[in-house]
Amino acid sequence: MFGTRLLSGILLVAIALATIISGGYVLFFTLIAVSLIGMHELYKAMKVKDEKFNILEIVGYVGAILYYVAVLLDFERYGTLAVILGLVLIMFVYVFLYPRFEANQVMAAFFGIVYVAVMLSFIYLTRQLPGGVYHVWLIFLCSWGCDTCAYCVGMLIGKHKMAPVLSPKKSVEGAVGGVAGAALLGVIYAAATKGPMVEYAVICAAGALISMVGDLAASAIKRNQGIKDYGKLIPGHGGILDRFDSVIFTAPVIYFLSVLMIEM
């Protein structure tokens, strides 16, 4: 299992490197694909999806694609409009096909657009910022870096449970180690790229804190729905959402912190 997980992780990192370094349309269309797969996993978990495709699920995917088109055209001008349009389309299906779908399915369909597609789009938006070719890596440094450091520290000295009911294996010591490790990775990355050390360390530490919320939020959804993993796409890791659960929360935070750093 460890070997499978390691190989999958290496392949995942290689794909991330290739797409993010390329940027532009390569990254844009990769994120659309990742978002749609993630939404498919979430819809299955939240009972939006039946055995076959249904109109509510399809409209959710259409809403996500419309949002990405808005991002490509002008995020600041059309992004919010596209999200609202996605909600309107979903409510259209709910109202005119009533009572085929229940309210919780409708809310989950819209939640999928925001939670997966909108949040992940900030990877592309960060990459498009001035200096984004460097800033975008902070998303993965503070999320995957925090996860790795927290795991190692927790295994070594973890004693106090951070969320005993939701995630019994996570410890307060591990969380502290994850934040500190992410900050250290930010400093190392700044030294390697000749970036601002203090700013990168603070951004990575803040992102690490948020990434743990993302990880626990994904765990909470899985526990509520009685599933272990969102999918089996990535051997040893689960589905897209199992691997990107922390990145989903970190990406918007890093984007706005990067914008703030640029403007200062």
C-alpha atoms as a PDB file:
ATOM      1  CA  MET A   1       0.000   0.000   0.000  1.00  0.00           C
ATOM      2  CA  PHE A   2       2.793   2.426   0.896  1.00  0.00           C
ATOM      3  CA  GLY A   3       4.558   1.731  -2.405  1.00  0.00           C
ATOM      4  CA  THR A   4       1.362   2.339  -4.372  1.00  0.00           C
ATOM      5  CA  ARG A   5       0.679   5.540  -2.445  1.00  0.00           C
ATOM      6  CA  LEU A   6       4.265   6.744  -3.015  1.00  0.00           C
ATOM      7  CA  LEU A   7       4.196   6.064  -6.754  1.00  0.00           C
ATOM      8  CA  SER A   8       0.807   7.740  -7.116  1.00  0.00           C
ATOM      9  CA  GLY A   9       2.082  10.723  -5.149  1.00  0.00           C
ATOM     10  CA  ILE A  10       5.161  11.046  -7.369  1.00  0.00           C
ATOM     11  CA  LEU A  11       3.001  10.882 -10.500  1.00  0.00           C
ATOM     12  CA  LEU A  12       0.609  13.459  -9.062  1.00  0.00           C
ATOM     13  CA  VAL A  13       3.476  15.840  -8.283  1.00  0.00           C
ATOM     14  CA  ALA A  14       4.886  15.338 -11.804  1.00  0.00           C
ATOM     15  CA  ILE A  15       1.515  16.212 -13.357  1.00  0.00           C
ATOM     16  CA  ALA A  16       1.203  19.260 -11.077  1.00  0.00           C
ATOM     17  CA  LEU A  17       4.686  20.401 -12.065  1.00  0.00           C
ATOM     18  CA  ALA A  18       3.982  20.005 -15.787  1.00  0.00           C
ATOM     19  CA  THR A  19       0.624  21.799 -15.762  1.00  0.00           C
ATOM     20  CA  ILE A  20       1.518  24.645 -13.405  1.00  0.00           C
ATOM     21  CA  ILE A  21       4.831  25.386 -15.093  1.00  0.00           C
ATOM     22  CA  SER A  22       3.023  25.439 -18.445  1.00  0.00           C
ATOM     23  CA  GLY A  23       0.264  27.677 -17.064  1.00  0.00           C
ATOM     24  CA  GLY A  24      -2.153  29.279 -19.524  1.00  0.00           C
ATOM     25  CA  TYR A  25      -4.618  27.015 -21.298  1.00  0.00           C
ATOM     26  CA  VAL A  26      -2.874  23.837 -20.147  1.00  0.00           C
ATOM     27  CA  LEU A  27      -3.484  24.697 -16.497  1.00  0.00           C
ATOM     28  CA  PHE A  28      -6.921  26.154 -17.229  1.00  0.00           C
ATOM     29  CA  PHE A  29      -8.306  23.055 -18.944  1.00  0.00           C
ATOM     30  CA  THR A  30      -6.603  20.730 -16.463  1.00  0.00           C
ATOM     31  CA  LEU A  31      -8.395  22.530 -13.635  1.00  0.00           C
ATOM     32  CA  ILE A  32     -11.717  22.250 -15.460  1.00  0.00           C
ATOM     33  CA  ALA A  33     -11.188  18.491 -15.745  1.00  0.00           C
ATOM     34  CA  VAL A  34     -10.113  18.179 -12.100  1.00  0.00           C
ATOM     35  CA  SER A  35     -13.088  20.280 -10.983  1.00  0.00           C
ATOM     36  CA  LEU A  36     -15.613  18.200 -12.935  1.00  0.00           C
ATOM     37  CA  ILE A  37     -14.172  14.949 -11.586  1.00  0.00           C
ATOM     38  CA  GLY A  38     -14.215  16.376  -8.056  1.00  0.00           C
ATOM     39  CA  MET A  39     -17.819  17.502  -8.480  1.00  0.00           C
ATOM     40  CA  HIS A  40     -18.730  14.035  -9.768  1.00  0.00           C
ATOM     41  CA  GLU A  41     -17.245  12.515  -6.597  1.00  0.00           C
ATOM     42  CA  LEU A  42     -19.042  15.009  -4.365  1.00  0.00           C
ATOM     43  CA  TYR A  43     -22.369  14.561  -6.162  1.00  0.00           C
ATOM     44  CA  LYS A  44     -22.082  10.807  -5.730  1.00  0.00           C
ATOM     45  CA  ALA A  45     -21.325  11.187  -2.019  1.00  0.00           C
ATOM     46  CA  MET A  46     -24.124  13.741  -1.475  1.00  0.00           C
ATOM     47  CA  LYS A  47     -26.711  11.666  -3.375  1.00  0.00           C
ATOM     48  CA  VAL A  48     -27.126  14.248  -6.133  1.00  0.00           C
ATOM     49  CA  LYS A  49     -26.025  11.640  -8.652  1.00  0.00           C
ATOM     50  CA  ASP A  50     -28.105   8.562  -9.507  1.00  0.00           C
ATOM     51  CA  GLU A  51     -26.830   5.418 -11.168  1.00  0.00           C
ATOM     52  CA  LYS A  52     -27.114   7.334 -14.434  1.00  0.00           C
ATOM     53  CA  PHE A  53     -26.582  11.013 -15.187  1.00  0.00           C
ATOM     54  CA  ASN A  54     -29.532  13.210 -14.248  1.00  0.00           C
ATOM     55  CA  ILE A  55     -30.447  16.750 -15.239  1.00  0.00           C
ATOM     56  CA  LEU A  56     -29.573  18.276 -11.857  1.00  0.00           C
ATOM     57  CA  GLU A  57     -26.076  16.814 -11.978  1.00  0.00           C
ATOM     58  CA  ILE A  58     -25.568  17.938 -15.578  1.00  0.00           C
ATOM     59  CA  VAL A  59     -26.727  21.486 -14.793  1.00  0.00           C
ATOM     60  CA  GLY A  60     -24.207  21.565 -11.948  1.00  0.00           C
ATOM     61  CA  TYR A  61     -21.422  20.712 -14.400  1.00  0.00           C
ATOM     62  CA  VAL A  62     -22.732  23.337 -16.841  1.00  0.00           C
ATOM     63  CA  GLY A  63     -22.668  25.918 -14.046  1.00  0.00           C
ATOM     64  CA  ALA A  64     -19.042  25.060 -13.303  1.00  0.00           C
ATOM     65  CA  ILE A  65     -18.042  25.354 -16.963  1.00  0.00           C
ATOM     66  CA  LEU A  66     -19.835  28.700 -17.281  1.00  0.00           C
ATOM     67  CA  TYR A  67     -17.931  29.926 -14.243  1.00  0.00           C
ATOM     68  CA  TYR A  68     -14.605  28.889 -15.775  1.00  0.00           C
ATOM     69  CA  VAL A  69     -15.510  30.690 -18.996  1.00  0.00           C
ATOM     70  CA  ALA A  70     -16.152  33.791 -16.869  1.00  0.00           C
ATOM     71  CA  VAL A  71     -12.747  33.347 -15.207  1.00  0.00           C
ATOM     72  CA  LEU A  72     -11.094  33.175 -18.614  1.00  0.00           C
ATOM     73  CA  LEU A  73     -12.893  36.278 -19.865  1.00  0.00           C
ATOM     74  CA  ASP A  74     -12.611  38.491 -16.759  1.00  0.00           C
ATOM     75  CA  PHE A  75     -12.873  37.060 -13.242  1.00  0.00           C
ATOM     76  CA  GLU A  76     -13.549  40.362 -11.500  1.00  0.00           C
ATOM     77  CA  ARG A  77     -16.250  41.413 -13.953  1.00  0.00           C
ATOM     78  CA  TYR A  78     -18.033  38.112 -14.656  1.00  0.00           C
ATOM     79  CA  GLY A  79     -17.075  35.681 -11.869  1.00  0.00           C
ATOM     80  CA  THR A  80     -19.864  36.534  -9.420  1.00  0.00           C
ATOM     81  CA  LEU A  81     -22.394  36.757 -12.241  1.00  0.00           C
ATOM     82  CA  ALA A  82     -21.487  33.240 -13.385  1.00  0.00           C
ATOM     83  CA  VAL A  83     -21.921  31.805  -9.881  1.00  0.00           C
ATOM     84  CA  ILE A  84     -25.353  33.436  -9.594  1.00  0.00           C
ATOM     85  CA  LEU A  85     -26.289  32.107 -13.031  1.00  0.00           C
ATOM     86  CA  GLY A  86     -25.304  28.615 -11.907  1.00  0.00           C
ATOM     87  CA  LEU A  87     -27.633  28.955  -8.914  1.00  0.00           C
ATOM     88  CA  VAL A  88     -30.467  30.207 -11.122  1.00  0.00           C
ATOM     89  CA  LEU A  89     -30.067  27.231 -13.489  1.00  0.00           C
ATOM     90  CA  ILE A  90     -30.126  24.780 -10.595  1.00  0.00           C
ATOM     91  CA  MET A  91     -33.219  26.413  -9.086  1.00  0.00           C
ATOM     92  CA  PHE A  92     -34.846  26.334 -12.531  1.00  0.00           C
ATOM     93  CA  VAL A  93     -34.436  22.546 -12.564  1.00  0.00           C
ATOM     94  CA  TYR A  94     -35.686  22.285  -8.975  1.00  0.00           C
ATOM     95  CA  VAL A  95     -38.826  24.327  -9.609  1.00  0.00           C
ATOM     96  CA  PHE A  96     -39.905  23.033 -13.005  1.00  0.00           C
ATOM     97  CA  LEU A  97     -39.170  19.369 -12.289  1.00  0.00           C
ATOM     98  CA  TYR A  98     -40.619  19.470  -8.767  1.00  0.00           C
ATOM     99  CA  PRO A  99     -40.863  17.106  -6.873  1.00  0.00           C
ATOM    100  CA  ARG A 100     -38.243  15.005  -8.667  1.00  0.00           C
ATOM    101  CA  PHE A 101     -35.373  16.481  -6.612  1.00  0.00           C
ATOM    102  CA  GLU A 102     -35.287  17.240  -2.893  1.00  0.00           C
ATOM    103  CA  ALA A 103     -34.007  20.492  -1.397  1.00  0.00           C
ATOM    104  CA  ASN A 104     -30.881  18.859   0.060  1.00  0.00           C
ATOM    105  CA  GLN A 105     -29.918  17.570  -3.410  1.00  0.00           C
ATOM    106  CA  VAL A 106     -30.391  21.034  -4.908  1.00  0.00           C
ATOM    107  CA  MET A 107     -28.267  22.674  -2.214  1.00  0.00           C
ATOM    108  CA  ALA A 108     -25.575  20.027  -2.679  1.00  0.00           C
ATOM    109  CA  ALA A 109     -25.576  20.640  -6.444  1.00  0.00           C
ATOM    110  CA  PHE A 110     -24.860  24.349  -5.942  1.00  0.00           C
ATOM    111  CA  PHE A 111     -22.412  23.611  -3.125  1.00  0.00           C
ATOM    112  CA  GLY A 112     -20.436  21.468  -5.587  1.00  0.00           C
ATOM    113  CA  ILE A 113     -19.954  24.428  -7.935  1.00  0.00           C
ATOM    114  CA  VAL A 114     -18.625  26.689  -5.184  1.00  0.00           C
ATOM    115  CA  TYR A 115     -16.760  24.146  -3.052  1.00  0.00           C
ATOM    116  CA  VAL A 116     -14.955  22.459  -5.929  1.00  0.00           C
ATOM    117  CA  ALA A 117     -14.962  24.515  -9.147  1.00  0.00           C
ATOM    118  CA  VAL A 118     -14.808  28.043  -7.724  1.00  0.00           C
ATOM    119  CA  MET A 119     -12.267  27.242  -5.012  1.00  0.00           C
ATOM    120  CA  LEU A 120      -9.932  25.304  -7.326  1.00  0.00           C
ATOM    121  CA  SER A 121     -10.068  28.064  -9.957  1.00  0.00           C
ATOM    122  CA  PHE A 122      -7.913  30.188  -7.653  1.00  0.00           C
ATOM    123  CA  ILE A 123      -4.945  28.020  -8.590  1.00  0.00           C
ATOM    124  CA  TYR A 124      -5.265  29.387 -12.136  1.00  0.00           C
ATOM    125  CA  LEU A 125      -6.022  32.912 -10.892  1.00  0.00           C
ATOM    126  CA  THR A 126      -2.941  32.881  -8.669  1.00  0.00           C
ATOM    127  CA  ARG A 127      -0.805  31.649 -11.563  1.00  0.00           C
ATOM    128  CA  GLN A 128      -2.054  34.597 -13.641  1.00  0.00           C
ATOM    129  CA  LEU A 129      -0.998  37.221 -11.086  1.00  0.00           C
ATOM    130  CA  PRO A 130       2.203  39.257 -11.551  1.00  0.00           C
ATOM    131  CA  GLY A 131       4.814  36.932 -10.089  1.00  0.00           C
ATOM    132  CA  GLY A 132       2.206  34.172 -10.045  1.00  0.00           C
ATOM    133  CA  VAL A 133       4.676  31.709 -11.513  1.00  0.00           C
ATOM    134  CA  TYR A 134       6.266  31.765  -8.041  1.00  0.00           C
ATOM    135  CA  HIS A 135       3.246  32.492  -5.825  1.00  0.00           C
ATOM    136  CA  VAL A 136       1.182  29.570  -7.118  1.00  0.00           C
ATOM    137  CA  TRP A 137       3.577  27.027  -5.588  1.00  0.00           C
ATOM    138  CA  LEU A 138       2.808  28.417  -2.138  1.00  0.00           C
ATOM    139  CA  ILE A 139      -0.634  26.794  -2.445  1.00  0.00           C
ATOM    140  CA  PHE A 140       0.893  23.339  -2.579  1.00  0.00           C
ATOM    141  CA  LEU A 141       3.754  24.065  -0.199  1.00  0.00           C
ATOM    142  CA  CYS A 142       1.419  25.078   2.610  1.00  0.00           C
ATOM    143  CA  SER A 143      -1.229  22.406   1.990  1.00  0.00           C
ATOM    144  CA  TRP A 144       0.717  19.268   1.082  1.00  0.00           C
ATOM    145  CA  GLY A 145       3.738  20.475   3.105  1.00  0.00           C
ATOM    146  CA  CYS A 146       1.589  21.022   6.182  1.00  0.00           C
ATOM    147  CA  ASP A 147      -0.030  17.615   5.728  1.00  0.00           C
ATOM    148  CA  THR A 148       3.339  15.856   5.549  1.00  0.00           C
ATOM    149  CA  CYS A 149       4.909  17.756   8.460  1.00  0.00           C
ATOM    150  CA  ALA A 150       1.813  17.336  10.628  1.00  0.00           C
ATOM    151  CA  TYR A 151       1.794  13.594   9.956  1.00  0.00           C
ATOM    152  CA  CYS A 152       5.480  13.193  10.862  1.00  0.00           C
ATOM    153  CA  VAL A 153       5.315  15.317  14.030  1.00  0.00           C
ATOM    154  CA  GLY A 154       2.046  13.686  15.089  1.00  0.00           C
ATOM    155  CA  MET A 155       3.518  10.207  14.696  1.00  0.00           C
ATOM    156  CA  LEU A 156       6.576  11.170  16.766  1.00  0.00           C
ATOM    157  CA  ILE A 157       5.172  13.214  19.644  1.00  0.00           C
ATOM    158  CA  GLY A 158       1.403  13.560  19.102  1.00  0.00           C
ATOM    159  CA  LYS A 159      -0.540  13.081  22.344  1.00  0.00           C
ATOM    160  CA  HIS A 160      -3.391  15.595  22.487  1.00  0.00           C
ATOM    161  CA  LYS A 161      -6.253  14.931  20.058  1.00  0.00           C
ATOM    162  CA  MET A 162      -7.216  17.914  17.918  1.00  0.00           C
ATOM    163  CA  ALA A 163     -10.612  16.605  16.736  1.00  0.00           C
ATOM    164  CA  PRO A 164     -11.154  13.287  18.550  1.00  0.00           C
ATOM    165  CA  VAL A 165     -14.576  12.528  17.080  1.00  0.00           C
ATOM    166  CA  LEU A 166     -13.988  13.734  13.544  1.00  0.00           C
ATOM    167  CA  SER A 167     -10.361  12.662  13.032  1.00  0.00           C
ATOM    168  CA  PRO A 168      -8.934  10.690  15.993  1.00  0.00           C
ATOM    169  CA  LYS A 169      -5.447  10.372  14.487  1.00  0.00           C
ATOM    170  CA  LYS A 170      -4.838  14.129  14.223  1.00  0.00           C
ATOM    171  CA  SER A 171      -3.098  15.762  17.184  1.00  0.00           C
ATOM    172  CA  VAL A 172      -2.515  19.304  18.403  1.00  0.00           C
ATOM    173  CA  GLU A 173       1.240  18.649  18.283  1.00  0.00           C
ATOM    174  CA  GLY A 174       0.898  17.533  14.686  1.00  0.00           C
ATOM    175  CA  ALA A 175      -1.051  20.680  13.806  1.00  0.00           C
ATOM    176  CA  VAL A 176       1.612  22.903  15.356  1.00  0.00           C
ATOM    177  CA  GLY A 177       4.306  20.928  13.530  1.00  0.00           C
ATOM    178  CA  GLY A 178       2.381  21.277  10.275  1.00  0.00           C
ATOM    179  CA  VAL A 179       2.119  25.063  10.551  1.00  0.00           C
ATOM    180  CA  ALA A 180       5.765  25.418  11.600  1.00  0.00           C
ATOM    181  CA  GLY A 181       6.882  23.068   8.841  1.00  0.00           C
ATOM    182  CA  ALA A 182       4.895  24.979   6.226  1.00  0.00           C
ATOM    183  CA  ALA A 183       6.424  28.272   7.410  1.00  0.00           C
ATOM    184  CA  LEU A 184       9.902  26.714   7.174  1.00  0.00           C
ATOM    185  CA  LEU A 185       9.153  25.479   3.663  1.00  0.00           C
ATOM    186  CA  GLY A 186       8.111  29.043   2.801  1.00  0.00           C
ATOM    187  CA  VAL A 187      11.480  30.327   4.007  1.00  0.00           C
ATOM    188  CA  ILE A 188      13.363  27.651   2.033  1.00  0.00           C
ATOM    189  CA  TYR A 189      11.296  28.402  -1.066  1.00  0.00           C
ATOM    190  CA  ALA A 190      11.965  32.136  -0.686  1.00  0.00           C
ATOM    191  CA  ALA A 191      15.703  31.466  -0.447  1.00  0.00           C
ATOM    192  CA  ALA A 192      15.571  29.259  -3.552  1.00  0.00           C
ATOM    193  CA  THR A 193      13.579  31.769  -5.625  1.00  0.00           C
ATOM    194  CA  LYS A 194      15.025  34.955  -4.072  1.00  0.00           C
ATOM    195  CA  GLY A 195      11.565  35.872  -2.832  1.00  0.00           C
ATOM    196  CA  PRO A 196      10.552  37.729   0.355  1.00  0.00           C
ATOM    197  CA  MET A 197      11.251  35.327   3.251  1.00  0.00           C
ATOM    198  CA  VAL A 198       9.013  36.883   5.906  1.00  0.00           C
ATOM    199  CA  GLU A 199       6.045  37.232   3.555  1.00  0.00           C
ATOM    200  CA  TYR A 200       6.365  33.679   2.199  1.00  0.00           C
ATOM    201  CA  ALA A 201       6.707  32.258   5.715  1.00  0.00           C
ATOM    202  CA  VAL A 202       3.612  34.122   6.942  1.00  0.00           C
ATOM    203  CA  ILE A 203       1.598  33.181   3.860  1.00  0.00           C
ATOM    204  CA  CYS A 204       2.538  29.496   4.196  1.00  0.00           C
ATOM    205  CA  ALA A 205       1.744  29.474   7.917  1.00  0.00           C
ATOM    206  CA  ALA A 206      -1.666  31.097   7.334  1.00  0.00           C
ATOM    207  CA  GLY A 207      -2.357  28.765   4.429  1.00  0.00           C
ATOM    208  CA  ALA A 208      -1.405  25.752   6.566  1.00  0.00           C
ATOM    209  CA  LEU A 209      -3.965  26.717   9.212  1.00  0.00           C
ATOM    210  CA  ILE A 210      -6.679  26.998   6.576  1.00  0.00           C
ATOM    211  CA  SER A 211      -5.584  23.746   4.890  1.00  0.00           C
ATOM    212  CA  MET A 212      -6.313  21.827   8.105  1.00  0.00           C
ATOM    213  CA  VAL A 213      -9.847  23.213   8.102  1.00  0.00           C
ATOM    214  CA  GLY A 214     -10.219  22.011   4.517  1.00  0.00           C
ATOM    215  CA  ASP A 215      -8.946  18.557   5.420  1.00  0.00           C
ATOM    216  CA  LEU A 216     -11.296  18.260   8.394  1.00  0.00           C
ATOM    217  CA  ALA A 217     -14.247  19.626   6.390  1.00  0.00           C
ATOM    218  CA  ALA A 218     -13.773  16.921   3.764  1.00  0.00           C
ATOM    219  CA  SER A 219     -13.558  14.309   6.542  1.00  0.00           C
ATOM    220  CA  ALA A 220     -16.774  15.630   8.088  1.00  0.00           C
ATOM    221  CA  ILE A 221     -18.640  15.278   4.795  1.00  0.00           C
ATOM    222  CA  LYS A 222     -17.376  11.716   4.344  1.00  0.00           C
ATOM    223  CA  ARG A 223     -18.378  10.766   7.888  1.00  0.00           C
ATOM    224  CA  ASN A 224     -21.847  12.275   7.427  1.00  0.00           C
ATOM    225  CA  GLN A 225     -22.277  10.296   4.217  1.00  0.00           C
ATOM    226  CA  GLY A 226     -20.785   7.075   5.630  1.00  0.00           C
ATOM    227  CA  ILE A 227     -17.938   6.707   3.103  1.00  0.00           C
ATOM    228  CA  LYS A 228     -14.192   6.205   3.557  1.00  0.00           C
ATOM    229  CA  ASP A 229     -12.972   7.854   0.341  1.00  0.00           C
ATOM    230  CA  TYR A 230     -14.550  10.030  -2.315  1.00  0.00           C
ATOM    231  CA  GLY A 231     -13.265   7.777  -5.089  1.00  0.00           C
ATOM    232  CA  LYS A 232     -10.564   5.429  -6.322  1.00  0.00           C
ATOM    233  CA  LEU A 233      -9.040   7.497  -9.116  1.00  0.00           C
ATOM    234  CA  ILE A 234      -5.650   7.924  -7.393  1.00  0.00           C
ATOM    235  CA  PRO A 235      -4.393   4.559  -6.071  1.00  0.00           C
ATOM    236  CA  GLY A 236      -3.446   4.754  -2.414  1.00  0.00           C
ATOM    237  CA  HIS A 237      -4.953   8.229  -2.031  1.00  0.00           C
ATOM    238  CA  GLY A 238      -8.617   7.873  -3.008  1.00  0.00           C
ATOM    239  CA  GLY A 239     -10.359  10.364  -5.239  1.00  0.00           C
ATOM    240  CA  ILE A 240      -9.578  13.880  -6.411  1.00  0.00           C
ATOM    241  CA  LEU A 241     -11.252  15.384  -3.349  1.00  0.00           C
ATOM    242  CA  ASP A 242      -9.281  13.127  -1.018  1.00  0.00           C
ATOM    243  CA  ARG A 243      -6.035  14.552  -2.383  1.00  0.00           C
ATOM    244  CA  PHE A 244      -7.153  18.140  -3.004  1.00  0.00           C
ATOM    245  CA  ASP A 245      -9.304  18.655   0.105  1.00  0.00           C
ATOM    246  CA  SER A 246      -6.761  20.993   1.706  1.00  0.00           C
ATOM    247  CA  VAL A 247      -5.784  22.663  -1.584  1.00  0.00           C
ATOM    248  CA  ILE A 248      -9.442  23.603  -2.134  1.00  0.00           C
ATOM    249  CA  PHE A 249      -9.371  25.836   0.950  1.00  0.00           C
ATOM    250  CA  THR A 250      -5.789  27.024   0.576  1.00  0.00           C
ATOM    251  CA  ALA A 251      -5.950  28.256  -3.034  1.00  0.00           C
ATOM    252  CA  PRO A 252      -8.278  31.263  -2.426  1.00  0.00           C
ATOM    253  CA  VAL A 253      -6.344  32.259   0.711  1.00  0.00           C
ATOM    254  CA  ILE A 254      -3.005  32.246  -1.111  1.00  0.00           C
ATOM    255  CA  TYR A 255      -4.544  34.180  -4.008  1.00  0.00           C
ATOM    256  CA  PHE A 256      -5.805  37.025  -1.820  1.00  0.00           C
ATOM    257  CA  LEU A 257      -2.659  37.097   0.328  1.00  0.00           C
ATOM    258  CA  SER A 258      -0.578  37.252  -2.856  1.00  0.00           C
ATOM    259  CA  VAL A 259      -2.676  40.136  -4.162  1.00  0.00           C
ATOM    260  CA  LEU A 260      -2.186  41.917  -0.839  1.00  0.00           C
ATOM    261  CA  MET A 261       1.577  41.318  -0.989  1.00  0.00           C
ATOM    262  CA  ILE A 262       1.736  42.639  -4.566  1.00  0.00           C
ATOM    263  CA  GLU A 263      -0.183  45.785  -3.637  1.00  0.00           C
ATOM    264  CA  MET A 264       1.942  46.563  -0.563  1.00  0.00           C
END
